[in-house]
Amino acid sequence: MSFMLVFHVGISLIGILAGFVVAQGFLSNRSHKGWNALFLATMIATSVSGFLLPADRFLPSHAFGIISLVVLGVALVARYVKHEAGRWRATYRVNALVAFYLNLFVLIVQMFLKIPFLKALAPTQTELPFALAQLALLVAFLVVTVLALKSSRNQIVPNVVTQVVA
């Protein structure tokens, strides 16, 4: 394995771990500043390093990388320029979760390509086990996103009420 591939996989796994902490923070209204910074940095590094891996043509992974970088750009603006003020909190949460989802989607693809047991279940990734794994991931992220947005709204309302009363 090349250094770039090892770096790409390692940074991806760190980003995914950080993504779980960040998502948990969204659900419990905890900021986890350091984890958010680690998550964003590693997700950006994952997308950028993916373009440095050898490829003889434009692949679906390149499209995912482009989409991820756009989504992460919006997340960066929402978090560090707009400081998650008002609707920017929801914007950050949605974009961070979309970036996290995209990386987990790719992880599932890679697992079905590289793990013999999973490859046998879905050798072309058009089979039902692969589709069910991706559907389960999508449903889980839709639920987490809705709950994160509800949690975000619950946090914003008391702040507005406090400002009006004070």
C-alpha atoms as a PDB file:
ATOM      1  CA  MET A   1       0.000   0.000   0.000  1.00  0.00           C
ATOM      2  CA  SER A   2       1.233   3.455  -0.836  1.00  0.00           C
ATOM      3  CA  PHE A   3       1.756   6.113   1.805  1.00  0.00           C
ATOM      4  CA  MET A   4      -1.036   8.224   0.302  1.00  0.00           C
ATOM      5  CA  LEU A   5      -3.529   5.357   0.511  1.00  0.00           C
ATOM      6  CA  VAL A   6      -2.580   4.608   4.132  1.00  0.00           C
ATOM      7  CA  PHE A   7      -2.879   8.325   4.962  1.00  0.00           C
ATOM      8  CA  HIS A   8      -6.236   8.581   3.165  1.00  0.00           C
ATOM      9  CA  VAL A   9      -7.716   5.549   4.936  1.00  0.00           C
ATOM     10  CA  GLY A  10      -6.292   6.553   8.325  1.00  0.00           C
ATOM     11  CA  ILE A  11      -7.545  10.130   8.148  1.00  0.00           C
ATOM     12  CA  SER A  12     -10.932   8.861   6.917  1.00  0.00           C
ATOM     13  CA  LEU A  13     -11.289   6.565   9.919  1.00  0.00           C
ATOM     14  CA  ILE A  14     -10.291   9.356  12.323  1.00  0.00           C
ATOM     15  CA  GLY A  15     -12.862  11.609  10.650  1.00  0.00           C
ATOM     16  CA  ILE A  16     -15.557   8.974  10.972  1.00  0.00           C
ATOM     17  CA  LEU A  17     -14.772   8.497  14.662  1.00  0.00           C
ATOM     18  CA  ALA A  18     -14.914  12.274  15.173  1.00  0.00           C
ATOM     19  CA  GLY A  19     -18.169  12.349  13.200  1.00  0.00           C
ATOM     20  CA  PHE A  20     -19.828  10.018  15.689  1.00  0.00           C
ATOM     21  CA  VAL A  21     -18.781  12.310  18.556  1.00  0.00           C
ATOM     22  CA  VAL A  22     -19.995  15.405  16.688  1.00  0.00           C
ATOM     23  CA  ALA A  23     -23.343  13.773  15.836  1.00  0.00           C
ATOM     24  CA  GLN A  24     -23.791  12.759  19.476  1.00  0.00           C
ATOM     25  CA  GLY A  25     -23.047  16.346  20.433  1.00  0.00           C
ATOM     26  CA  PHE A  26     -25.752  17.580  18.062  1.00  0.00           C
ATOM     27  CA  LEU A  27     -28.267  15.278  19.706  1.00  0.00           C
ATOM     28  CA  SER A  28     -27.313  16.323  23.238  1.00  0.00           C
ATOM     29  CA  ASN A  29     -26.640  20.017  22.444  1.00  0.00           C
ATOM     30  CA  ARG A  30     -22.989  19.786  23.425  1.00  0.00           C
ATOM     31  CA  SER A  31     -20.557  21.740  21.306  1.00  0.00           C
ATOM     32  CA  HIS A  32     -17.428  19.559  21.454  1.00  0.00           C
ATOM     33  CA  LYS A  33     -15.358  22.352  19.851  1.00  0.00           C
ATOM     34  CA  GLY A  34     -12.226  20.276  19.463  1.00  0.00           C
ATOM     35  CA  TRP A  35     -14.096  17.319  18.007  1.00  0.00           C
ATOM     36  CA  ASN A  36     -15.890  19.569  15.513  1.00  0.00           C
ATOM     37  CA  ALA A  37     -12.567  21.041  14.383  1.00  0.00           C
ATOM     38  CA  LEU A  38     -11.023  17.555  14.108  1.00  0.00           C
ATOM     39  CA  PHE A  39     -14.059  16.298  12.211  1.00  0.00           C
ATOM     40  CA  LEU A  40     -14.008  19.141   9.685  1.00  0.00           C
ATOM     41  CA  ALA A  41     -10.231  18.991   9.198  1.00  0.00           C
ATOM     42  CA  THR A  42     -10.166  15.228   8.696  1.00  0.00           C
ATOM     43  CA  MET A  43     -13.187  15.225   6.391  1.00  0.00           C
ATOM     44  CA  ILE A  44     -11.545  17.900   4.232  1.00  0.00           C
ATOM     45  CA  ALA A  45      -8.242  15.985   4.268  1.00  0.00           C
ATOM     46  CA  THR A  46     -10.091  12.804   3.315  1.00  0.00           C
ATOM     47  CA  SER A  47     -11.738  14.449   0.314  1.00  0.00           C
ATOM     48  CA  VAL A  48      -8.581  16.214  -0.849  1.00  0.00           C
ATOM     49  CA  SER A  49      -6.349  13.155  -0.406  1.00  0.00           C
ATOM     50  CA  GLY A  50      -8.828  11.078  -2.409  1.00  0.00           C
ATOM     51  CA  PHE A  51      -7.958  13.156  -5.469  1.00  0.00           C
ATOM     52  CA  LEU A  52      -4.273  12.318  -4.975  1.00  0.00           C
ATOM     53  CA  LEU A  53      -4.836   8.572  -5.246  1.00  0.00           C
ATOM     54  CA  PRO A  54      -4.028   6.988  -8.619  1.00  0.00           C
ATOM     55  CA  ALA A  55      -6.950   6.820 -11.040  1.00  0.00           C
ATOM     56  CA  ASP A  56      -7.072   6.490 -14.800  1.00  0.00           C
ATOM     57  CA  ARG A  57     -10.469   8.204 -15.151  1.00  0.00           C
ATOM     58  CA  PHE A  58     -13.058  10.238 -13.245  1.00  0.00           C
ATOM     59  CA  LEU A  59     -14.697   7.894 -10.722  1.00  0.00           C
ATOM     60  CA  PRO A  60     -17.826   8.105  -8.561  1.00  0.00           C
ATOM     61  CA  SER A  61     -15.476   8.643  -5.606  1.00  0.00           C
ATOM     62  CA  HIS A  62     -14.277  11.853  -7.273  1.00  0.00           C
ATOM     63  CA  ALA A  63     -17.876  13.081  -7.545  1.00  0.00           C
ATOM     64  CA  PHE A  64     -18.381  12.252  -3.859  1.00  0.00           C
ATOM     65  CA  GLY A  65     -15.201  14.162  -3.052  1.00  0.00           C
ATOM     66  CA  ILE A  66     -16.373  17.255  -4.922  1.00  0.00           C
ATOM     67  CA  ILE A  67     -19.802  17.155  -3.282  1.00  0.00           C
ATOM     68  CA  SER A  68     -18.209  16.612   0.122  1.00  0.00           C
ATOM     69  CA  LEU A  69     -15.869  19.585  -0.295  1.00  0.00           C
ATOM     70  CA  VAL A  70     -18.781  21.861  -1.265  1.00  0.00           C
ATOM     71  CA  VAL A  71     -20.830  20.666   1.715  1.00  0.00           C
ATOM     72  CA  LEU A  72     -17.836  21.058   4.034  1.00  0.00           C
ATOM     73  CA  GLY A  73     -17.234  24.568   2.681  1.00  0.00           C
ATOM     74  CA  VAL A  74     -20.765  25.545   3.681  1.00  0.00           C
ATOM     75  CA  ALA A  75     -20.256  23.882   7.084  1.00  0.00           C
ATOM     76  CA  LEU A  76     -17.041  25.869   7.625  1.00  0.00           C
ATOM     77  CA  VAL A  77     -18.782  29.147   6.819  1.00  0.00           C
ATOM     78  CA  ALA A  78     -21.719  28.284   9.087  1.00  0.00           C
ATOM     79  CA  ARG A  79     -19.464  27.358  12.005  1.00  0.00           C
ATOM     80  CA  TYR A  80     -16.496  29.695  11.787  1.00  0.00           C
ATOM     81  CA  VAL A  81     -17.746  32.739   9.851  1.00  0.00           C
ATOM     82  CA  LYS A  82     -21.396  32.883  10.931  1.00  0.00           C
ATOM     83  CA  HIS A  83     -20.669  31.258  14.351  1.00  0.00           C
ATOM     84  CA  GLU A  84     -23.830  29.152  14.027  1.00  0.00           C
ATOM     85  CA  ALA A  85     -25.952  32.245  14.733  1.00  0.00           C
ATOM     86  CA  GLY A  86     -29.656  31.796  14.063  1.00  0.00           C
ATOM     87  CA  ARG A  87     -30.336  29.493  11.124  1.00  0.00           C
ATOM     88  CA  TRP A  88     -26.611  28.960  10.614  1.00  0.00           C
ATOM     89  CA  ARG A  89     -26.703  26.439  13.488  1.00  0.00           C
ATOM     90  CA  ALA A  90     -29.080  24.242  11.486  1.00  0.00           C
ATOM     91  CA  THR A  91     -27.049  24.882   8.335  1.00  0.00           C
ATOM     92  CA  TYR A  92     -23.907  23.681  10.080  1.00  0.00           C
ATOM     93  CA  ARG A  93     -25.583  20.602  11.495  1.00  0.00           C
ATOM     94  CA  VAL A  94     -27.158  19.542   8.205  1.00  0.00           C
ATOM     95  CA  ASN A  95     -23.974  20.063   6.199  1.00  0.00           C
ATOM     96  CA  ALA A  96     -21.772  18.337   8.785  1.00  0.00           C
ATOM     97  CA  LEU A  97     -24.152  15.377   8.841  1.00  0.00           C
ATOM     98  CA  VAL A  98     -24.279  15.210   5.033  1.00  0.00           C
ATOM     99  CA  ALA A  99     -20.459  15.143   4.924  1.00  0.00           C
ATOM    100  CA  PHE A 100     -20.458  12.427   7.590  1.00  0.00           C
ATOM    101  CA  TYR A 101     -23.096  10.448   5.665  1.00  0.00           C
ATOM    102  CA  LEU A 102     -21.084  10.645   2.435  1.00  0.00           C
ATOM    103  CA  ASN A 103     -17.994   9.280   4.162  1.00  0.00           C
ATOM    104  CA  LEU A 104     -19.931   6.434   5.755  1.00  0.00           C
ATOM    105  CA  PHE A 105     -21.531   5.692   2.380  1.00  0.00           C
ATOM    106  CA  VAL A 106     -18.041   5.330   0.894  1.00  0.00           C
ATOM    107  CA  LEU A 107     -16.962   3.214   3.881  1.00  0.00           C
ATOM    108  CA  ILE A 108     -19.804   0.782   3.162  1.00  0.00           C
ATOM    109  CA  VAL A 109     -18.816   0.674  -0.519  1.00  0.00           C
ATOM    110  CA  GLN A 110     -15.220  -0.098   0.440  1.00  0.00           C
ATOM    111  CA  MET A 111     -16.289  -2.745   2.956  1.00  0.00           C
ATOM    112  CA  PHE A 112     -18.323  -4.529   0.278  1.00  0.00           C
ATOM    113  CA  LEU A 113     -15.314  -4.328  -2.053  1.00  0.00           C
ATOM    114  CA  LYS A 114     -12.616  -5.428   0.400  1.00  0.00           C
ATOM    115  CA  ILE A 115     -14.163  -7.752   3.008  1.00  0.00           C
ATOM    116  CA  PRO A 116     -14.534 -11.221   1.462  1.00  0.00           C
ATOM    117  CA  PHE A 117     -17.741 -12.106   3.336  1.00  0.00           C
ATOM    118  CA  LEU A 118     -19.458  -8.899   2.209  1.00  0.00           C
ATOM    119  CA  LYS A 119     -18.037  -9.114  -1.314  1.00  0.00           C
ATOM    120  CA  ALA A 120     -19.556 -12.606  -1.613  1.00  0.00           C
ATOM    121  CA  LEU A 121     -22.952 -11.200  -0.565  1.00  0.00           C
ATOM    122  CA  ALA A 122     -22.860  -8.397  -3.124  1.00  0.00           C
ATOM    123  CA  PRO A 123     -20.103  -8.915  -5.700  1.00  0.00           C
ATOM    124  CA  THR A 124     -21.367  -6.157  -8.044  1.00  0.00           C
ATOM    125  CA  GLN A 125     -22.881  -3.932  -5.341  1.00  0.00           C
ATOM    126  CA  THR A 126     -26.244  -4.156  -7.080  1.00  0.00           C
ATOM    127  CA  GLU A 127     -27.463  -6.957  -4.825  1.00  0.00           C
ATOM    128  CA  LEU A 128     -29.979  -6.643  -1.998  1.00  0.00           C
ATOM    129  CA  PRO A 129     -27.501  -6.809   0.948  1.00  0.00           C
ATOM    130  CA  PHE A 130     -25.597  -3.791  -0.375  1.00  0.00           C
ATOM    131  CA  ALA A 131     -28.806  -1.873  -1.070  1.00  0.00           C
ATOM    132  CA  LEU A 132     -30.140  -2.679   2.409  1.00  0.00           C
ATOM    133  CA  ALA A 133     -26.909  -1.544   4.073  1.00  0.00           C
ATOM    134  CA  GLN A 134     -27.012   1.770   2.209  1.00  0.00           C
ATOM    135  CA  LEU A 135     -30.739   2.192   2.878  1.00  0.00           C
ATOM    136  CA  ALA A 136     -30.212   1.560   6.605  1.00  0.00           C
ATOM    137  CA  LEU A 137     -27.467   4.186   6.628  1.00  0.00           C
ATOM    138  CA  LEU A 138     -29.684   6.698   4.825  1.00  0.00           C
ATOM    139  CA  VAL A 139     -32.620   6.125   7.183  1.00  0.00           C
ATOM    140  CA  ALA A 140     -30.346   6.414  10.232  1.00  0.00           C
ATOM    141  CA  PHE A 141     -28.961   9.722   8.960  1.00  0.00           C
ATOM    142  CA  LEU A 142     -32.382  11.111   8.162  1.00  0.00           C
ATOM    143  CA  VAL A 143     -33.494  10.307  11.718  1.00  0.00           C
ATOM    144  CA  VAL A 144     -30.324  11.757  13.266  1.00  0.00           C
ATOM    145  CA  THR A 145     -30.629  14.903  11.131  1.00  0.00           C
ATOM    146  CA  VAL A 146     -34.249  15.485  12.130  1.00  0.00           C
ATOM    147  CA  LEU A 147     -33.411  14.941  15.801  1.00  0.00           C
ATOM    148  CA  ALA A 148     -30.344  17.210  15.540  1.00  0.00           C
ATOM    149  CA  LEU A 149     -32.482  19.963  14.009  1.00  0.00           C
ATOM    150  CA  LYS A 150     -35.138  19.583  16.700  1.00  0.00           C
ATOM    151  CA  SER A 151     -32.425  19.700  19.334  1.00  0.00           C
ATOM    152  CA  SER A 152     -30.998  22.798  17.661  1.00  0.00           C
ATOM    153  CA  ARG A 153     -34.388  24.531  17.716  1.00  0.00           C
ATOM    154  CA  ASN A 154     -34.866  23.680  21.375  1.00  0.00           C
ATOM    155  CA  GLN A 155     -31.538  25.321  22.145  1.00  0.00           C
ATOM    156  CA  ILE A 156     -32.248  28.480  20.119  1.00  0.00           C
ATOM    157  CA  VAL A 157     -35.700  29.199  21.579  1.00  0.00           C
ATOM    158  CA  PRO A 158     -34.587  29.582  25.227  1.00  0.00           C
ATOM    159  CA  ASN A 159     -31.827  31.971  24.110  1.00  0.00           C
ATOM    160  CA  VAL A 160     -34.326  34.169  22.262  1.00  0.00           C
ATOM    161  CA  VAL A 161     -36.722  34.113  25.207  1.00  0.00           C
ATOM    162  CA  THR A 162     -33.897  35.036  27.584  1.00  0.00           C
ATOM    163  CA  GLN A 163     -32.888  37.968  25.360  1.00  0.00           C
ATOM    164  CA  VAL A 164     -36.470  39.273  25.115  1.00  0.00           C
ATOM    165  CA  VAL A 165     -37.052  38.995  28.881  1.00  0.00           C
ATOM    166  CA  ALA A 166     -33.719  40.615  29.764  1.00  0.00           C
END
